[in-house]
Amino acid sequence: MTAKTFGRDPHPPSRRRPDGLSKRELIDRIIRVDHAGEFGAQRIYEGQLAVLGRKPCGKTIRHMKQQEERHLAAFETLMVERRARPTLLHPLWNVAGFALGAGTALLGERAAMACTIAVEEVIDDHYRRQHEALGDDEAALKETIETFRAEEAEHADIGRAHGGEDTVGYPVMRAAIAAGSRLAIWLSERI
């Protein structure tokens, strides 16, 4: 640092966004949280498949898992390209995602699909807000997010078509899983 810049904010207020983040901080946060979310989603489907993989719904769950794997691969590439750091909570999401998937699947196919609906509705809103926050100079990232958002919405529709909303205690289950998903997003953006 030169004497001229010593002690100064490297991102002066004029270059910061209304949310207080510089563009670089925003991109780092988006890639980190989306990578964590896609990893968690993959683990949820792995947990569901561990319980329901031989049932007729196994094929549908595998389809959703394959899309999540593609999403995860894209964010892994972006992490390297954009030099974004992963969340330190990765080991927690590894266990929590599988436990959520297996736990809801143990309650039955409809409960597993209720889990899918709850998670994917939160992710749909999350991706929508990210898309809106990015500028036109991030067209490729915006397109990626919008493509993945459409696939996540498809997963929620699949969950509805498979009776997820008919699960006993659905409103409570949905609210709890949605709250947990929002907390995971908030933590992964920051840690």
N, C-alpha and C. Protein backbone atom coordinates (compact mmCIF):
# COMPACT_ATOMS: atom_id res chain seq x y z
N MET A 1 0.83 -1.19 0.00
CA MET A 1 0.00 0.00 0.00
C MET A 1 0.87 1.24 0.00
N THR A 2 0.42 2.20 -0.68
CA THR A 2 1.13 3.47 -0.66
C THR A 2 0.61 4.30 0.50
N ALA A 3 1.35 5.33 0.85
CA ALA A 3 0.92 6.21 1.94
C ALA A 3 -0.42 6.85 1.59
N LYS A 4 -0.63 7.04 0.31
CA LYS A 4 -1.86 7.69 -0.13
C LYS A 4 -3.10 6.82 0.14
N THR A 5 -2.95 5.47 0.04
CA THR A 5 -4.10 4.58 0.22
C THR A 5 -4.11 3.90 1.59
N PHE A 6 -3.08 4.05 2.37
CA PHE A 6 -3.00 3.37 3.66
C PHE A 6 -4.19 3.77 4.54
N GLY A 7 -4.87 2.77 5.08
CA GLY A 7 -5.98 3.01 5.98
C GLY A 7 -7.28 3.35 5.30
N ARG A 8 -7.29 3.43 3.98
CA ARG A 8 -8.52 3.75 3.25
C ARG A 8 -9.26 2.47 2.87
N ASP A 9 -10.54 2.59 2.75
CA ASP A 9 -11.37 1.49 2.29
C ASP A 9 -11.04 1.23 0.82
N PRO A 10 -10.64 -0.02 0.46
CA PRO A 10 -10.31 -0.30 -0.94
C PRO A 10 -11.53 -0.21 -1.86
N HIS A 11 -12.72 -0.19 -1.28
CA HIS A 11 -13.96 -0.05 -2.04
C HIS A 11 -14.71 1.15 -1.47
N PRO A 12 -14.34 2.36 -1.91
CA PRO A 12 -14.99 3.55 -1.36
C PRO A 12 -16.50 3.51 -1.56
N PRO A 13 -17.23 4.25 -0.73
CA PRO A 13 -18.70 4.24 -0.80
C PRO A 13 -19.24 4.48 -2.19
N SER A 14 -18.60 5.29 -2.99
CA SER A 14 -19.10 5.57 -4.33
C SER A 14 -19.05 4.33 -5.23
N ARG A 15 -18.24 3.34 -4.87
CA ARG A 15 -18.12 2.13 -5.67
C ARG A 15 -18.84 0.95 -5.04
N ARG A 16 -19.50 1.20 -3.93
CA ARG A 16 -20.26 0.14 -3.26
C ARG A 16 -21.71 0.19 -3.69
N ARG A 17 -22.35 -0.93 -3.58
CA ARG A 17 -23.76 -1.05 -3.94
C ARG A 17 -24.63 -0.60 -2.77
N PRO A 18 -25.92 -0.43 -2.98
CA PRO A 18 -26.81 -0.02 -1.87
C PRO A 18 -26.80 -1.01 -0.70
N ASP A 19 -26.52 -2.31 -0.98
CA ASP A 19 -26.48 -3.30 0.09
C ASP A 19 -25.15 -3.29 0.85
N GLY A 20 -24.24 -2.38 0.48
CA GLY A 20 -22.96 -2.26 1.17
C GLY A 20 -21.87 -3.14 0.61
N LEU A 21 -22.18 -3.95 -0.38
CA LEU A 21 -21.20 -4.85 -0.97
C LEU A 21 -20.60 -4.24 -2.23
N SER A 22 -19.32 -4.48 -2.43
CA SER A 22 -18.73 -4.12 -3.72
C SER A 22 -19.20 -5.17 -4.73
N LYS A 23 -19.01 -4.90 -6.01
CA LYS A 23 -19.40 -5.87 -7.03
C LYS A 23 -18.67 -7.19 -6.81
N ARG A 24 -17.40 -7.12 -6.51
CA ARG A 24 -16.60 -8.33 -6.28
C ARG A 24 -17.15 -9.12 -5.09
N GLU A 25 -17.51 -8.44 -4.02
CA GLU A 25 -18.07 -9.11 -2.84
C GLU A 25 -19.41 -9.75 -3.17
N LEU A 26 -20.22 -9.07 -3.97
CA LEU A 26 -21.52 -9.62 -4.36
C LEU A 26 -21.34 -10.90 -5.17
N ILE A 27 -20.46 -10.87 -6.16
CA ILE A 27 -20.23 -12.04 -7.00
C ILE A 27 -19.69 -13.19 -6.17
N ASP A 28 -18.75 -12.91 -5.28
CA ASP A 28 -18.19 -13.94 -4.41
C ASP A 28 -19.29 -14.57 -3.56
N ARG A 29 -20.15 -13.74 -3.01
CA ARG A 29 -21.24 -14.21 -2.16
C ARG A 29 -22.22 -15.06 -2.96
N ILE A 30 -22.58 -14.61 -4.15
CA ILE A 30 -23.53 -15.35 -4.99
C ILE A 30 -22.98 -16.72 -5.34
N ILE A 31 -21.75 -16.77 -5.80
CA ILE A 31 -21.17 -18.05 -6.22
C ILE A 31 -21.01 -18.97 -5.01
N ARG A 32 -20.56 -18.44 -3.89
CA ARG A 32 -20.38 -19.26 -2.67
C ARG A 32 -21.70 -19.87 -2.22
N VAL A 33 -22.75 -19.05 -2.11
CA VAL A 33 -24.02 -19.55 -1.59
C VAL A 33 -24.70 -20.48 -2.59
N ASP A 34 -24.58 -20.20 -3.88
CA ASP A 34 -25.21 -21.06 -4.87
C ASP A 34 -24.49 -22.40 -4.96
N HIS A 35 -23.18 -22.39 -4.83
CA HIS A 35 -22.43 -23.64 -4.79
C HIS A 35 -22.88 -24.47 -3.58
N ALA A 36 -22.97 -23.83 -2.43
CA ALA A 36 -23.40 -24.53 -1.21
C ALA A 36 -24.82 -25.07 -1.37
N GLY A 37 -25.70 -24.27 -1.95
CA GLY A 37 -27.09 -24.69 -2.13
C GLY A 37 -27.23 -25.86 -3.08
N GLU A 38 -26.49 -25.83 -4.18
CA GLU A 38 -26.57 -26.93 -5.13
C GLU A 38 -25.96 -28.20 -4.54
N PHE A 39 -24.92 -28.04 -3.74
CA PHE A 39 -24.35 -29.20 -3.05
C PHE A 39 -25.36 -29.77 -2.07
N GLY A 40 -25.99 -28.89 -1.29
CA GLY A 40 -27.00 -29.34 -0.33
C GLY A 40 -28.16 -30.03 -1.01
N ALA A 41 -28.61 -29.49 -2.14
CA ALA A 41 -29.73 -30.09 -2.88
C ALA A 41 -29.36 -31.49 -3.38
N GLN A 42 -28.15 -31.61 -3.89
CA GLN A 42 -27.69 -32.92 -4.35
C GLN A 42 -27.71 -33.91 -3.19
N ARG A 43 -27.26 -33.46 -2.02
CA ARG A 43 -27.24 -34.35 -0.85
C ARG A 43 -28.66 -34.71 -0.39
N ILE A 44 -29.61 -33.77 -0.50
CA ILE A 44 -31.00 -34.08 -0.15
C ILE A 44 -31.50 -35.21 -1.05
N TYR A 45 -31.26 -35.10 -2.34
CA TYR A 45 -31.73 -36.13 -3.26
C TYR A 45 -31.00 -37.45 -3.04
N GLU A 46 -29.73 -37.41 -2.66
CA GLU A 46 -29.02 -38.64 -2.34
C GLU A 46 -29.65 -39.31 -1.12
N GLY A 47 -30.03 -38.51 -0.12
CA GLY A 47 -30.70 -39.07 1.05
C GLY A 47 -32.05 -39.67 0.69
N GLN A 48 -32.79 -38.99 -0.17
CA GLN A 48 -34.08 -39.53 -0.60
C GLN A 48 -33.90 -40.83 -1.38
N LEU A 49 -32.89 -40.87 -2.23
CA LEU A 49 -32.64 -42.08 -3.02
C LEU A 49 -32.19 -43.24 -2.14
N ALA A 50 -31.48 -42.96 -1.05
CA ALA A 50 -31.05 -44.02 -0.15
C ALA A 50 -32.27 -44.76 0.42
N VAL A 51 -33.37 -44.05 0.57
CA VAL A 51 -34.59 -44.65 1.13
C VAL A 51 -35.57 -45.07 0.04
N LEU A 52 -35.74 -44.25 -0.98
CA LEU A 52 -36.78 -44.47 -1.99
C LEU A 52 -36.25 -44.87 -3.36
N GLY A 53 -34.97 -45.11 -3.46
CA GLY A 53 -34.36 -45.36 -4.77
C GLY A 53 -34.95 -46.52 -5.55
N ARG A 54 -35.47 -47.52 -4.88
CA ARG A 54 -36.05 -48.69 -5.57
C ARG A 54 -37.56 -48.57 -5.78
N LYS A 55 -38.13 -47.50 -5.28
CA LYS A 55 -39.57 -47.25 -5.45
C LYS A 55 -39.79 -46.60 -6.82
N PRO A 56 -41.04 -46.59 -7.29
CA PRO A 56 -41.31 -45.95 -8.59
C PRO A 56 -40.87 -44.49 -8.67
N CYS A 57 -40.90 -43.78 -7.55
CA CYS A 57 -40.49 -42.37 -7.57
C CYS A 57 -38.98 -42.19 -7.68
N GLY A 58 -38.22 -43.28 -7.56
CA GLY A 58 -36.76 -43.20 -7.63
C GLY A 58 -36.27 -42.59 -8.93
N LYS A 59 -36.92 -42.94 -10.03
CA LYS A 59 -36.51 -42.41 -11.34
C LYS A 59 -36.68 -40.89 -11.37
N THR A 60 -37.77 -40.40 -10.81
CA THR A 60 -38.03 -38.96 -10.77
C THR A 60 -37.00 -38.25 -9.90
N ILE A 61 -36.70 -38.83 -8.75
CA ILE A 61 -35.71 -38.24 -7.85
C ILE A 61 -34.33 -38.22 -8.52
N ARG A 62 -33.99 -39.30 -9.22
CA ARG A 62 -32.70 -39.33 -9.93
C ARG A 62 -32.62 -38.23 -10.99
N HIS A 63 -33.72 -37.99 -11.69
CA HIS A 63 -33.77 -36.91 -12.69
C HIS A 63 -33.45 -35.57 -12.03
N MET A 64 -34.08 -35.29 -10.90
CA MET A 64 -33.83 -34.01 -10.21
C MET A 64 -32.39 -33.95 -9.70
N LYS A 65 -31.89 -35.06 -9.18
CA LYS A 65 -30.51 -35.11 -8.68
C LYS A 65 -29.52 -34.83 -9.81
N GLN A 66 -29.77 -35.38 -10.99
CA GLN A 66 -28.86 -35.14 -12.13
C GLN A 66 -28.82 -33.67 -12.51
N GLN A 67 -29.96 -33.00 -12.45
CA GLN A 67 -29.96 -31.56 -12.72
C GLN A 67 -29.16 -30.82 -11.66
N GLU A 68 -29.31 -31.21 -10.40
CA GLU A 68 -28.55 -30.56 -9.32
C GLU A 68 -27.05 -30.80 -9.49
N GLU A 69 -26.68 -31.97 -9.95
CA GLU A 69 -25.26 -32.26 -10.19
C GLU A 69 -24.70 -31.34 -11.28
N ARG A 70 -25.49 -31.09 -12.32
CA ARG A 70 -25.07 -30.18 -13.39
C ARG A 70 -24.94 -28.76 -12.85
N HIS A 71 -25.88 -28.35 -12.01
CA HIS A 71 -25.82 -27.02 -11.39
C HIS A 71 -24.56 -26.91 -10.53
N LEU A 72 -24.31 -27.94 -9.73
CA LEU A 72 -23.14 -27.93 -8.84
C LEU A 72 -21.85 -27.83 -9.66
N ALA A 73 -21.76 -28.59 -10.73
CA ALA A 73 -20.56 -28.54 -11.58
C ALA A 73 -20.35 -27.14 -12.16
N ALA A 74 -21.43 -26.49 -12.54
CA ALA A 74 -21.31 -25.13 -13.09
C ALA A 74 -20.78 -24.17 -12.03
N PHE A 75 -21.27 -24.28 -10.80
CA PHE A 75 -20.79 -23.37 -9.76
C PHE A 75 -19.38 -23.73 -9.30
N GLU A 76 -19.00 -25.00 -9.38
CA GLU A 76 -17.61 -25.35 -9.08
C GLU A 76 -16.67 -24.71 -10.10
N THR A 77 -17.06 -24.70 -11.36
CA THR A 77 -16.27 -24.05 -12.40
C THR A 77 -16.20 -22.55 -12.15
N LEU A 78 -17.34 -21.94 -11.82
CA LEU A 78 -17.36 -20.51 -11.55
C LEU A 78 -16.51 -20.14 -10.34
N MET A 79 -16.47 -21.02 -9.33
CA MET A 79 -15.64 -20.73 -8.16
C MET A 79 -14.18 -20.58 -8.55
N VAL A 80 -13.73 -21.45 -9.43
CA VAL A 80 -12.34 -21.39 -9.87
C VAL A 80 -12.13 -20.17 -10.76
N GLU A 81 -13.00 -19.99 -11.75
CA GLU A 81 -12.86 -18.87 -12.68
C GLU A 81 -12.93 -17.51 -11.98
N ARG A 82 -13.82 -17.38 -11.02
CA ARG A 82 -14.04 -16.09 -10.36
C ARG A 82 -13.30 -15.98 -9.03
N ARG A 83 -12.56 -17.02 -8.68
CA ARG A 83 -11.76 -17.04 -7.45
C ARG A 83 -12.62 -16.79 -6.21
N ALA A 84 -13.78 -17.41 -6.19
CA ALA A 84 -14.68 -17.30 -5.04
C ALA A 84 -14.33 -18.41 -4.05
N ARG A 85 -14.46 -18.09 -2.79
CA ARG A 85 -14.16 -19.11 -1.79
C ARG A 85 -15.43 -19.87 -1.42
N PRO A 86 -15.29 -21.16 -1.13
CA PRO A 86 -16.46 -21.93 -0.71
C PRO A 86 -16.85 -21.58 0.73
N THR A 87 -18.05 -21.95 1.11
CA THR A 87 -18.46 -21.74 2.48
C THR A 87 -17.68 -22.67 3.41
N LEU A 88 -17.41 -22.21 4.58
CA LEU A 88 -16.76 -23.05 5.58
C LEU A 88 -17.73 -24.06 6.16
N LEU A 89 -19.01 -23.92 5.85
CA LEU A 89 -20.05 -24.81 6.38
C LEU A 89 -20.29 -26.03 5.49
N HIS A 90 -19.46 -26.21 4.48
CA HIS A 90 -19.63 -27.32 3.54
C HIS A 90 -19.81 -28.67 4.25
N PRO A 91 -18.98 -29.01 5.25
CA PRO A 91 -19.18 -30.30 5.94
C PRO A 91 -20.54 -30.41 6.63
N LEU A 92 -21.04 -29.31 7.15
CA LEU A 92 -22.35 -29.32 7.79
C LEU A 92 -23.44 -29.57 6.75
N TRP A 93 -23.36 -28.91 5.60
CA TRP A 93 -24.38 -29.11 4.56
C TRP A 93 -24.32 -30.52 3.99
N ASN A 94 -23.15 -31.13 4.01
CA ASN A 94 -23.01 -32.51 3.57
C ASN A 94 -23.90 -33.43 4.41
N VAL A 95 -23.79 -33.29 5.72
CA VAL A 95 -24.56 -34.13 6.65
C VAL A 95 -26.02 -33.70 6.70
N ALA A 96 -26.26 -32.40 6.83
CA ALA A 96 -27.63 -31.90 6.98
C ALA A 96 -28.47 -32.18 5.74
N GLY A 97 -27.90 -32.01 4.56
CA GLY A 97 -28.65 -32.27 3.33
C GLY A 97 -29.08 -33.73 3.24
N PHE A 98 -28.13 -34.64 3.48
CA PHE A 98 -28.47 -36.06 3.41
C PHE A 98 -29.50 -36.42 4.46
N ALA A 99 -29.32 -35.90 5.68
CA ALA A 99 -30.26 -36.20 6.78
C ALA A 99 -31.66 -35.70 6.46
N LEU A 100 -31.77 -34.50 5.89
CA LEU A 100 -33.07 -33.96 5.53
C LEU A 100 -33.73 -34.82 4.45
N GLY A 101 -32.97 -35.20 3.45
CA GLY A 101 -33.52 -36.04 2.39
C GLY A 101 -33.95 -37.40 2.89
N ALA A 102 -33.07 -38.07 3.63
CA ALA A 102 -33.40 -39.41 4.14
C ALA A 102 -34.53 -39.34 5.16
N GLY A 103 -34.48 -38.32 6.03
CA GLY A 103 -35.51 -38.19 7.06
C GLY A 103 -36.89 -37.99 6.49
N THR A 104 -37.01 -37.12 5.51
CA THR A 104 -38.33 -36.90 4.91
C THR A 104 -38.75 -38.12 4.09
N ALA A 105 -37.80 -38.78 3.44
CA ALA A 105 -38.14 -39.98 2.66
C ALA A 105 -38.62 -41.11 3.57
N LEU A 106 -38.08 -41.19 4.77
CA LEU A 106 -38.54 -42.22 5.72
C LEU A 106 -40.01 -42.01 6.09
N LEU A 107 -40.48 -40.77 5.96
CA LEU A 107 -41.88 -40.47 6.22
C LEU A 107 -42.76 -40.82 5.02
N GLY A 108 -42.15 -41.14 3.89
CA GLY A 108 -42.88 -41.54 2.70
C GLY A 108 -42.59 -40.65 1.51
N GLU A 109 -43.02 -41.13 0.35
CA GLU A 109 -42.78 -40.40 -0.90
C GLU A 109 -43.36 -38.99 -0.86
N ARG A 110 -44.58 -38.86 -0.35
CA ARG A 110 -45.20 -37.53 -0.31
C ARG A 110 -44.41 -36.57 0.57
N ALA A 111 -43.91 -37.06 1.68
CA ALA A 111 -43.11 -36.19 2.56
C ALA A 111 -41.81 -35.77 1.88
N ALA A 112 -41.20 -36.69 1.14
CA ALA A 112 -39.99 -36.35 0.39
C ALA A 112 -40.31 -35.27 -0.64
N MET A 113 -41.45 -35.39 -1.29
CA MET A 113 -41.85 -34.40 -2.28
C MET A 113 -42.23 -33.07 -1.62
N ALA A 114 -42.78 -33.14 -0.41
CA ALA A 114 -43.07 -31.90 0.35
C ALA A 114 -41.77 -31.17 0.65
N CYS A 115 -40.73 -31.93 0.99
CA CYS A 115 -39.41 -31.34 1.22
C CYS A 115 -38.92 -30.65 -0.05
N THR A 116 -39.06 -31.31 -1.18
CA THR A 116 -38.64 -30.73 -2.45
C THR A 116 -39.37 -29.42 -2.72
N ILE A 117 -40.67 -29.40 -2.51
CA ILE A 117 -41.45 -28.18 -2.74
C ILE A 117 -40.92 -27.05 -1.87
N ALA A 118 -40.76 -27.33 -0.57
CA ALA A 118 -40.35 -26.28 0.37
C ALA A 118 -38.98 -25.71 0.01
N VAL A 119 -38.03 -26.58 -0.25
CA VAL A 119 -36.68 -26.13 -0.59
C VAL A 119 -36.68 -25.35 -1.90
N GLU A 120 -37.33 -25.90 -2.91
CA GLU A 120 -37.27 -25.29 -4.24
C GLU A 120 -38.02 -23.96 -4.31
N GLU A 121 -39.07 -23.79 -3.52
CA GLU A 121 -39.74 -22.48 -3.49
C GLU A 121 -38.81 -21.41 -2.93
N VAL A 122 -38.05 -21.76 -1.91
CA VAL A 122 -37.08 -20.81 -1.34
C VAL A 122 -36.00 -20.50 -2.36
N ILE A 123 -35.51 -21.52 -3.04
CA ILE A 123 -34.45 -21.33 -4.03
C ILE A 123 -34.94 -20.50 -5.21
N ASP A 124 -36.17 -20.71 -5.63
CA ASP A 124 -36.74 -19.92 -6.72
C ASP A 124 -36.68 -18.43 -6.37
N ASP A 125 -37.12 -18.09 -5.17
CA ASP A 125 -37.09 -16.69 -4.73
C ASP A 125 -35.66 -16.18 -4.59
N HIS A 126 -34.79 -17.03 -4.06
CA HIS A 126 -33.37 -16.67 -3.88
C HIS A 126 -32.72 -16.35 -5.23
N TYR A 127 -32.92 -17.23 -6.21
CA TYR A 127 -32.35 -17.00 -7.54
C TYR A 127 -32.96 -15.76 -8.19
N ARG A 128 -34.25 -15.53 -8.00
CA ARG A 128 -34.90 -14.34 -8.57
C ARG A 128 -34.24 -13.07 -8.03
N ARG A 129 -34.00 -13.03 -6.71
CA ARG A 129 -33.37 -11.85 -6.11
C ARG A 129 -31.94 -11.67 -6.60
N GLN A 130 -31.21 -12.76 -6.77
CA GLN A 130 -29.86 -12.65 -7.31
C GLN A 130 -29.88 -12.11 -8.74
N HIS A 131 -30.77 -12.63 -9.55
CA HIS A 131 -30.88 -12.18 -10.94
C HIS A 131 -31.14 -10.68 -10.99
N GLU A 132 -32.02 -10.20 -10.12
CA GLU A 132 -32.33 -8.77 -10.07
C GLU A 132 -31.15 -7.93 -9.58
N ALA A 133 -30.32 -8.49 -8.71
CA ALA A 133 -29.20 -7.74 -8.14
C ALA A 133 -28.02 -7.59 -9.10
N LEU A 134 -27.93 -8.49 -10.06
CA LEU A 134 -26.80 -8.46 -10.99
C LEU A 134 -27.05 -7.45 -12.11
N GLY A 135 -25.99 -6.80 -12.51
CA GLY A 135 -26.07 -5.83 -13.59
C GLY A 135 -25.99 -6.49 -14.95
N ASP A 136 -26.17 -5.67 -15.97
CA ASP A 136 -26.11 -6.16 -17.34
C ASP A 136 -24.72 -6.66 -17.72
N ASP A 137 -23.70 -6.22 -16.99
CA ASP A 137 -22.34 -6.66 -17.26
C ASP A 137 -22.10 -8.11 -16.80
N GLU A 138 -23.09 -8.69 -16.14
CA GLU A 138 -23.00 -10.08 -15.68
C GLU A 138 -24.04 -10.95 -16.39
N ALA A 139 -24.20 -10.71 -17.70
CA ALA A 139 -25.24 -11.40 -18.48
C ALA A 139 -25.10 -12.92 -18.42
N ALA A 140 -23.88 -13.43 -18.51
CA ALA A 140 -23.68 -14.89 -18.51
C ALA A 140 -24.10 -15.49 -17.17
N LEU A 141 -23.70 -14.85 -16.07
CA LEU A 141 -24.08 -15.35 -14.75
C LEU A 141 -25.59 -15.25 -14.55
N LYS A 142 -26.18 -14.15 -15.00
CA LYS A 142 -27.64 -13.99 -14.91
C LYS A 142 -28.36 -15.09 -15.68
N GLU A 143 -27.85 -15.41 -16.86
CA GLU A 143 -28.46 -16.46 -17.68
C GLU A 143 -28.36 -17.82 -16.99
N THR A 144 -27.20 -18.11 -16.41
CA THR A 144 -27.02 -19.36 -15.67
C THR A 144 -28.02 -19.45 -14.53
N ILE A 145 -28.11 -18.39 -13.75
CA ILE A 145 -29.02 -18.37 -12.61
C ILE A 145 -30.46 -18.54 -13.07
N GLU A 146 -30.84 -17.88 -14.14
CA GLU A 146 -32.22 -17.98 -14.63
C GLU A 146 -32.52 -19.38 -15.15
N THR A 147 -31.57 -20.01 -15.83
CA THR A 147 -31.75 -21.38 -16.31
C THR A 147 -31.94 -22.34 -15.14
N PHE A 148 -31.08 -22.19 -14.13
CA PHE A 148 -31.18 -23.07 -12.97
C PHE A 148 -32.46 -22.79 -12.19
N ARG A 149 -32.85 -21.54 -12.14
CA ARG A 149 -34.10 -21.18 -11.45
C ARG A 149 -35.28 -21.90 -12.09
N ALA A 150 -35.33 -21.96 -13.40
CA ALA A 150 -36.42 -22.64 -14.10
C ALA A 150 -36.43 -24.13 -13.76
N GLU A 151 -35.26 -24.73 -13.65
CA GLU A 151 -35.20 -26.15 -13.31
C GLU A 151 -35.60 -26.40 -11.86
N GLU A 152 -35.25 -25.47 -10.96
CA GLU A 152 -35.67 -25.60 -9.57
C GLU A 152 -37.18 -25.47 -9.45
N ALA A 153 -37.77 -24.57 -10.23
CA ALA A 153 -39.24 -24.43 -10.25
C ALA A 153 -39.87 -25.71 -10.79
N GLU A 154 -39.24 -26.33 -11.76
CA GLU A 154 -39.72 -27.62 -12.28
C GLU A 154 -39.74 -28.66 -11.16
N HIS A 155 -38.71 -28.66 -10.32
CA HIS A 155 -38.65 -29.63 -9.21
C HIS A 155 -39.82 -29.41 -8.25
N ALA A 156 -40.12 -28.15 -7.95
CA ALA A 156 -41.26 -27.87 -7.07
C ALA A 156 -42.56 -28.36 -7.72
N ASP A 157 -42.69 -28.16 -9.01
CA ASP A 157 -43.88 -28.65 -9.73
C ASP A 157 -43.97 -30.17 -9.69
N ILE A 158 -42.83 -30.83 -9.82
CA ILE A 158 -42.79 -32.30 -9.72
C ILE A 158 -43.25 -32.73 -8.33
N GLY A 159 -42.77 -32.03 -7.31
CA GLY A 159 -43.18 -32.35 -5.94
C GLY A 159 -44.68 -32.22 -5.76
N ARG A 160 -45.26 -31.18 -6.33
CA ARG A 160 -46.72 -30.99 -6.25
C ARG A 160 -47.45 -32.10 -7.00
N ALA A 161 -46.95 -32.43 -8.19
CA ALA A 161 -47.59 -33.47 -9.01
C ALA A 161 -47.53 -34.84 -8.34
N HIS A 162 -46.55 -35.05 -7.47
CA HIS A 162 -46.41 -36.32 -6.75
C HIS A 162 -47.04 -36.27 -5.35
N GLY A 163 -47.91 -35.31 -5.11
CA GLY A 163 -48.68 -35.29 -3.87
C GLY A 163 -47.99 -34.70 -2.67
N GLY A 164 -46.94 -33.95 -2.87
CA GLY A 164 -46.21 -33.37 -1.74
C GLY A 164 -47.08 -32.49 -0.85
N GLU A 165 -48.01 -31.76 -1.46
CA GLU A 165 -48.87 -30.87 -0.68
C GLU A 165 -49.94 -31.65 0.10
N ASP A 166 -50.09 -32.94 -0.19
CA ASP A 166 -51.07 -33.78 0.51
C ASP A 166 -50.48 -34.49 1.72
N THR A 167 -49.21 -34.23 2.00
CA THR A 167 -48.54 -34.83 3.15
C THR A 167 -49.21 -34.38 4.44
N VAL A 168 -49.38 -35.31 5.36
CA VAL A 168 -49.93 -34.95 6.67
C VAL A 168 -48.98 -33.95 7.32
N GLY A 169 -49.54 -32.85 7.79
CA GLY A 169 -48.73 -31.81 8.43
C GLY A 169 -47.94 -30.96 7.46
N TYR A 170 -48.36 -30.94 6.20
CA TYR A 170 -47.63 -30.21 5.17
C TYR A 170 -47.33 -28.76 5.53
N PRO A 171 -48.30 -27.98 6.00
CA PRO A 171 -47.99 -26.57 6.29
C PRO A 171 -46.86 -26.40 7.31
N VAL A 172 -46.84 -27.24 8.32
CA VAL A 172 -45.79 -27.15 9.34
C VAL A 172 -44.45 -27.60 8.77
N MET A 173 -44.48 -28.72 8.05
CA MET A 173 -43.25 -29.24 7.44
C MET A 173 -42.68 -28.22 6.45
N ARG A 174 -43.54 -27.68 5.62
CA ARG A 174 -43.09 -26.70 4.62
C ARG A 174 -42.47 -25.48 5.29
N ALA A 175 -43.13 -24.97 6.32
CA ALA A 175 -42.62 -23.78 7.01
C ALA A 175 -41.27 -24.06 7.67
N ALA A 176 -41.13 -25.22 8.30
CA ALA A 176 -39.88 -25.55 8.98
C ALA A 176 -38.73 -25.72 7.99
N ILE A 177 -38.99 -26.44 6.90
CA ILE A 177 -37.94 -26.67 5.91
C ILE A 177 -37.58 -25.37 5.20
N ALA A 178 -38.57 -24.54 4.90
CA ALA A 178 -38.31 -23.25 4.26
C ALA A 178 -37.47 -22.35 5.17
N ALA A 179 -37.81 -22.33 6.46
CA ALA A 179 -37.04 -21.51 7.41
C ALA A 179 -35.60 -22.02 7.49
N GLY A 180 -35.43 -23.33 7.54
CA GLY A 180 -34.08 -23.89 7.55
C GLY A 180 -33.31 -23.57 6.30
N SER A 181 -33.98 -23.59 5.16
CA SER A 181 -33.33 -23.26 3.88
C SER A 181 -32.90 -21.80 3.85
N ARG A 182 -33.77 -20.92 4.33
CA ARG A 182 -33.40 -19.49 4.36
C ARG A 182 -32.22 -19.25 5.31
N LEU A 183 -32.20 -19.95 6.44
CA LEU A 183 -31.08 -19.82 7.37
C LEU A 183 -29.79 -20.34 6.73
N ALA A 184 -29.87 -21.46 6.03
CA ALA A 184 -28.69 -22.01 5.36
C ALA A 184 -28.15 -21.03 4.32
N ILE A 185 -29.04 -20.37 3.59
CA ILE A 185 -28.63 -19.36 2.61
C ILE A 185 -27.91 -18.22 3.32
N TRP A 186 -28.52 -17.69 4.36
CA TRP A 186 -27.95 -16.55 5.08
C TRP A 186 -26.57 -16.90 5.62
N LEU A 187 -26.43 -18.07 6.22
CA LEU A 187 -25.14 -18.48 6.78
C LEU A 187 -24.09 -18.70 5.70
N SER A 188 -24.49 -19.37 4.62
CA SER A 188 -23.53 -19.67 3.55
C SER A 188 -23.07 -18.42 2.81
N GLU A 189 -23.89 -17.40 2.76
CA GLU A 189 -23.45 -16.15 2.15
C GLU A 189 -22.33 -15.51 2.95
N ARG A 190 -22.33 -15.72 4.25
CA ARG A 190 -21.43 -15.00 5.13
C ARG A 190 -20.25 -15.81 5.68
N ILE A 191 -20.42 -17.11 5.79
CA ILE A 191 -19.38 -17.93 6.45
C ILE A 191 -18.68 -18.81 5.44
